[in-house]
């Protein structure tokens, strides 16, 4: 599995609208071949800053499969106007450690 990391800076005053649009858009990405899961996290220190993490079977599933699909046009329509600047997306592969989960004991 590879991890897509997209830091997202949302235009001031648009955070609520972005989160509502993302609630719709996440159904699109979740329906794509090679999709493994995602999380959208809001930064606690910086207003309007988010990070999107998406697990894919391969970079090709993301870049050719998702971005090359007709559904991607709807994703763009829902979300791309919120970003300033437009995000640079990177892909990562595991080296060591375990994936985080909301049920992990932080104790």
Protein backbone atom coordinates (compact mmCIF):
# COMPACT_ATOMS: atom_id res chain seq x y z
CA UNK A 1 0.00 0.00 0.00
CA UNK A 2 1.12 3.56 -0.65
CA UNK A 3 0.01 6.67 1.21
CA UNK A 4 -1.04 9.84 -0.58
CA UNK A 5 -0.38 12.94 1.53
CA UNK A 6 -2.08 16.19 0.53
CA UNK A 7 -1.64 19.27 2.75
CA UNK A 8 -4.69 21.47 2.14
CA UNK A 9 -4.87 25.19 2.86
CA UNK A 10 -8.51 26.27 2.63
CA UNK A 11 -9.42 29.87 1.84
CA UNK A 12 -10.27 31.91 4.98
CA UNK A 13 -13.92 31.73 5.94
CA UNK A 14 -14.50 28.60 3.84
CA UNK A 15 -13.69 25.82 6.33
CA UNK A 16 -17.30 24.86 7.10
CA UNK A 17 -18.27 24.84 3.42
CA UNK A 18 -15.15 22.82 2.60
CA UNK A 19 -15.95 20.20 5.23
CA UNK A 20 -19.52 19.91 3.93
CA UNK A 21 -18.27 19.51 0.35
CA UNK A 22 -15.69 16.96 1.47
CA UNK A 23 -18.43 14.91 3.15
CA UNK A 24 -19.93 14.49 -0.34
CA UNK A 25 -16.63 14.11 -2.19
CA UNK A 26 -15.30 11.34 0.04
CA UNK A 27 -17.91 8.98 -1.42
CA UNK A 28 -16.33 9.52 -4.82
CA UNK A 29 -12.80 8.59 -3.80
CA UNK A 30 -14.01 5.66 -1.71
CA UNK A 31 -15.59 4.11 -4.81
CA UNK A 32 -12.34 4.02 -6.81
CA UNK A 33 -10.43 0.82 -7.64
CA UNK A 34 -7.30 0.52 -5.49
CA UNK A 35 -8.68 2.76 -2.71
CA UNK A 36 -7.81 1.47 0.79
CA UNK A 37 -9.09 4.23 3.09
CA UNK A 38 -8.68 7.90 3.96
CA UNK A 39 -8.70 10.44 6.74
CA UNK A 40 -9.09 14.21 6.63
CA UNK A 41 -7.52 15.96 9.63
CA UNK A 42 -7.89 19.61 10.67
CA UNK A 43 -4.83 21.38 12.08
CA UNK A 44 -5.20 22.58 15.67
CA UNK A 45 -2.54 25.28 15.43
CA UNK A 46 -3.25 26.84 12.02
CA UNK A 47 -6.74 27.94 10.96
CA UNK A 48 -8.04 26.57 7.66
CA UNK A 49 -5.21 24.02 7.36
CA UNK A 50 -5.95 20.32 6.77
CA UNK A 51 -4.14 17.19 5.72
CA UNK A 52 -5.72 14.48 3.59
CA UNK A 53 -4.22 10.99 3.81
CA UNK A 54 -5.40 8.36 1.34
CA UNK A 55 -4.27 4.75 1.14
CA UNK A 56 -3.98 3.28 -2.37
CA UNK A 57 -2.83 -0.07 -3.68
CA UNK A 58 -0.47 1.79 -6.05
CA UNK A 59 0.45 5.26 -7.29
CA UNK A 60 -1.15 4.29 -10.61
CA UNK A 61 -4.48 3.65 -8.85
CA UNK A 62 -4.38 7.25 -7.67
CA UNK A 63 -2.81 9.09 -10.59
CA UNK A 64 -4.11 7.18 -13.61
CA UNK A 65 -7.15 5.45 -12.09
CA UNK A 66 -8.74 8.13 -9.91
CA UNK A 67 -7.41 11.26 -11.61
CA UNK A 68 -8.14 9.78 -15.03
CA UNK A 69 -11.71 8.84 -14.16
CA UNK A 70 -14.88 10.77 -15.03
CA UNK A 71 -15.65 10.84 -11.27
CA UNK A 72 -12.55 12.98 -10.72
CA UNK A 73 -14.25 15.85 -12.53
CA UNK A 74 -16.95 15.87 -9.85
CA UNK A 75 -14.25 15.73 -7.11
CA UNK A 76 -12.60 18.78 -8.69
CA UNK A 77 -15.92 20.61 -8.96
CA UNK A 78 -16.70 20.00 -5.29
CA UNK A 79 -13.29 20.77 -3.78
CA UNK A 80 -10.65 22.49 -5.89
CA UNK A 81 -12.02 26.04 -5.55
CA UNK A 82 -11.44 25.93 -1.76
CA UNK A 83 -7.61 25.69 -1.96
CA UNK A 84 -5.16 28.59 -1.83
CA UNK A 85 -2.48 27.69 -2.69
CA UNK A 86 -3.31 24.56 -4.66
CA UNK A 87 -1.85 21.54 -2.83
CA UNK A 88 1.18 19.55 -3.85
CA UNK A 89 0.42 15.86 -3.42
CA UNK A 90 3.11 13.33 -2.53
CA UNK A 91 3.13 9.54 -2.23
CA UNK A 92 4.86 7.52 0.48
CA UNK A 93 5.63 3.85 1.03
CA UNK A 94 5.98 2.12 4.39
CA UNK A 95 9.40 1.79 5.98
CA UNK A 96 8.53 0.82 9.57
CA UNK A 97 5.87 1.21 12.24
CA UNK A 98 2.16 0.56 12.37
CA UNK A 99 -0.76 2.47 10.94
CA UNK A 100 -2.57 4.71 13.40
CA UNK A 101 -6.20 4.07 14.19
CA UNK A 102 -8.80 5.92 16.20
CA UNK A 103 -9.12 2.90 18.47
CA UNK A 104 -5.40 2.82 19.39
CA UNK A 105 -4.68 3.26 23.08
CA UNK A 106 -2.70 6.47 23.52
CA UNK A 107 -2.22 5.77 27.21
